[in-house]
Amino acid sequence: MEDGREYVPGERPGWVINFVIRALAGMAVIFFVNYFLDSRGIDMAVGIGPVSLLTSGVLGIPGVALLYGIVLYQSL
């Protein structure tokens, strides 16, 4: 590697772990917000799928807010 460290085959790069944690946290937030909105009778759910997974994995919680903003904009 350029910074002088050796690559160990079993070692994962830090960005992969960071992406997975953000993606899982984002999916959990989407699930619970969808449940909360459904219990209040508000029909504005964000789907749980590959696009939501990628958005929450790359952008984190602000990406989840962006998804809900898009759903809100579409409902106007």
C-alpha atoms as a PDB file:
ATOM      1  CA  MET A   1       0.000   0.000   0.000  1.00  0.00           C
ATOM      2  CA  GLU A   2       1.072   3.586  -0.492  1.00  0.00           C
ATOM      3  CA  ASP A   3       1.281   4.456   3.197  1.00  0.00           C
ATOM      4  CA  GLY A   4       3.664   1.611   3.972  1.00  0.00           C
ATOM      5  CA  ARG A   5       1.144  -0.779   5.540  1.00  0.00           C
ATOM      6  CA  GLU A   6       0.860  -4.332   4.299  1.00  0.00           C
ATOM      7  CA  TYR A   7      -2.494  -5.671   3.208  1.00  0.00           C
ATOM      8  CA  VAL A   8      -3.593  -8.671   5.231  1.00  0.00           C
ATOM      9  CA  PRO A   9      -6.068 -10.828   3.247  1.00  0.00           C
ATOM     10  CA  GLY A  10      -8.468 -11.285   6.182  1.00  0.00           C
ATOM     11  CA  GLU A  11      -8.550  -7.576   6.995  1.00  0.00           C
ATOM     12  CA  ARG A  12     -11.496  -5.543   5.682  1.00  0.00           C
ATOM     13  CA  PRO A  13     -11.013  -1.948   4.662  1.00  0.00           C
ATOM     14  CA  GLY A  14     -12.620   0.496   7.085  1.00  0.00           C
ATOM     15  CA  TRP A  15     -15.028   1.947   4.538  1.00  0.00           C
ATOM     16  CA  VAL A  16     -16.737  -1.432   4.051  1.00  0.00           C
ATOM     17  CA  ILE A  17     -17.532  -1.747   7.748  1.00  0.00           C
ATOM     18  CA  ASN A  18     -18.626   1.894   7.850  1.00  0.00           C
ATOM     19  CA  PHE A  19     -20.951   1.351   4.864  1.00  0.00           C
ATOM     20  CA  VAL A  20     -22.505  -1.770   6.383  1.00  0.00           C
ATOM     21  CA  ILE A  21     -23.130  -0.075   9.734  1.00  0.00           C
ATOM     22  CA  ARG A  22     -24.722   2.975   8.084  1.00  0.00           C
ATOM     23  CA  ALA A  23     -26.825   0.787   5.785  1.00  0.00           C
ATOM     24  CA  LEU A  24     -28.127  -1.365   8.652  1.00  0.00           C
ATOM     25  CA  ALA A  25     -28.836   1.677  10.825  1.00  0.00           C
ATOM     26  CA  GLY A  26     -30.641   3.337   7.923  1.00  0.00           C
ATOM     27  CA  MET A  27     -32.770   0.262   7.265  1.00  0.00           C
ATOM     28  CA  ALA A  28     -33.688   0.083  10.957  1.00  0.00           C
ATOM     29  CA  VAL A  29     -34.663   3.773  10.980  1.00  0.00           C
ATOM     30  CA  ILE A  30     -36.781   3.307   7.844  1.00  0.00           C
ATOM     31  CA  PHE A  31     -38.491   0.272   9.351  1.00  0.00           C
ATOM     32  CA  PHE A  32     -39.370   2.019  12.612  1.00  0.00           C
ATOM     33  CA  VAL A  33     -40.403   5.309  10.981  1.00  0.00           C
ATOM     34  CA  ASN A  34     -42.633   3.386   8.551  1.00  0.00           C
ATOM     35  CA  TYR A  35     -44.165   1.540  11.510  1.00  0.00           C
ATOM     36  CA  PHE A  36     -44.706   4.813  13.403  1.00  0.00           C
ATOM     37  CA  LEU A  37     -46.308   6.539  10.416  1.00  0.00           C
ATOM     38  CA  ASP A  38     -48.533   3.520   9.726  1.00  0.00           C
ATOM     39  CA  SER A  39     -49.710   3.439  13.351  1.00  0.00           C
ATOM     40  CA  ARG A  40     -50.713   7.107  13.014  1.00  0.00           C
ATOM     41  CA  GLY A  41     -52.600   6.429   9.779  1.00  0.00           C
ATOM     42  CA  ILE A  42     -50.163   8.393   7.597  1.00  0.00           C
ATOM     43  CA  ASP A  43     -49.589   6.729   4.234  1.00  0.00           C
ATOM     44  CA  MET A  44     -46.043   7.929   3.459  1.00  0.00           C
ATOM     45  CA  ALA A  45     -43.802   4.882   3.652  1.00  0.00           C
ATOM     46  CA  VAL A  46     -40.341   4.529   2.157  1.00  0.00           C
ATOM     47  CA  GLY A  47     -39.769   1.134   0.603  1.00  0.00           C
ATOM     48  CA  ILE A  48     -37.047  -1.130   1.908  1.00  0.00           C
ATOM     49  CA  GLY A  49     -35.041  -2.176  -1.119  1.00  0.00           C
ATOM     50  CA  PRO A  50     -31.707  -1.871  -2.885  1.00  0.00           C
ATOM     51  CA  VAL A  51     -32.009   1.875  -3.585  1.00  0.00           C
ATOM     52  CA  SER A  52     -32.857   2.615   0.050  1.00  0.00           C
ATOM     53  CA  LEU A  53     -30.005   0.383   1.187  1.00  0.00           C
ATOM     54  CA  LEU A  54     -27.491   2.144  -1.058  1.00  0.00           C
ATOM     55  CA  THR A  55     -28.770   5.610  -0.148  1.00  0.00           C
ATOM     56  CA  SER A  56     -28.606   4.974   3.584  1.00  0.00           C
ATOM     57  CA  GLY A  57     -25.252   3.204   3.240  1.00  0.00           C
ATOM     58  CA  VAL A  58     -23.621   6.030   1.314  1.00  0.00           C
ATOM     59  CA  LEU A  59     -25.314   9.057   2.918  1.00  0.00           C
ATOM     60  CA  GLY A  60     -26.285   7.670   6.332  1.00  0.00           C
ATOM     61  CA  ILE A  61     -29.217   9.085   8.295  1.00  0.00           C
ATOM     62  CA  PRO A  62     -29.348  12.281   6.165  1.00  0.00           C
ATOM     63  CA  GLY A  63     -29.906   9.958   3.203  1.00  0.00           C
ATOM     64  CA  VAL A  64     -32.892   8.442   4.991  1.00  0.00           C
ATOM     65  CA  ALA A  65     -34.234  11.954   5.585  1.00  0.00           C
ATOM     66  CA  LEU A  66     -33.733  12.614   1.862  1.00  0.00           C
ATOM     67  CA  LEU A  67     -35.799   9.534   1.011  1.00  0.00           C
ATOM     68  CA  TYR A  68     -38.634  10.724   3.243  1.00  0.00           C
ATOM     69  CA  GLY A  69     -38.335  14.193   1.705  1.00  0.00           C
ATOM     70  CA  ILE A  70     -38.774  12.675  -1.757  1.00  0.00           C
ATOM     71  CA  VAL A  71     -41.839  10.743  -0.596  1.00  0.00           C
ATOM     72  CA  LEU A  72     -43.267  13.926   0.958  1.00  0.00           C
ATOM     73  CA  TYR A  73     -42.634  15.870  -2.256  1.00  0.00           C
ATOM     74  CA  GLN A  74     -44.364  13.170  -4.329  1.00  0.00           C
ATOM     75  CA  SER A  75     -47.429  13.285  -2.098  1.00  0.00           C
ATOM     76  CA  LEU A  76     -47.966  17.034  -2.643  1.00  0.00           C
END
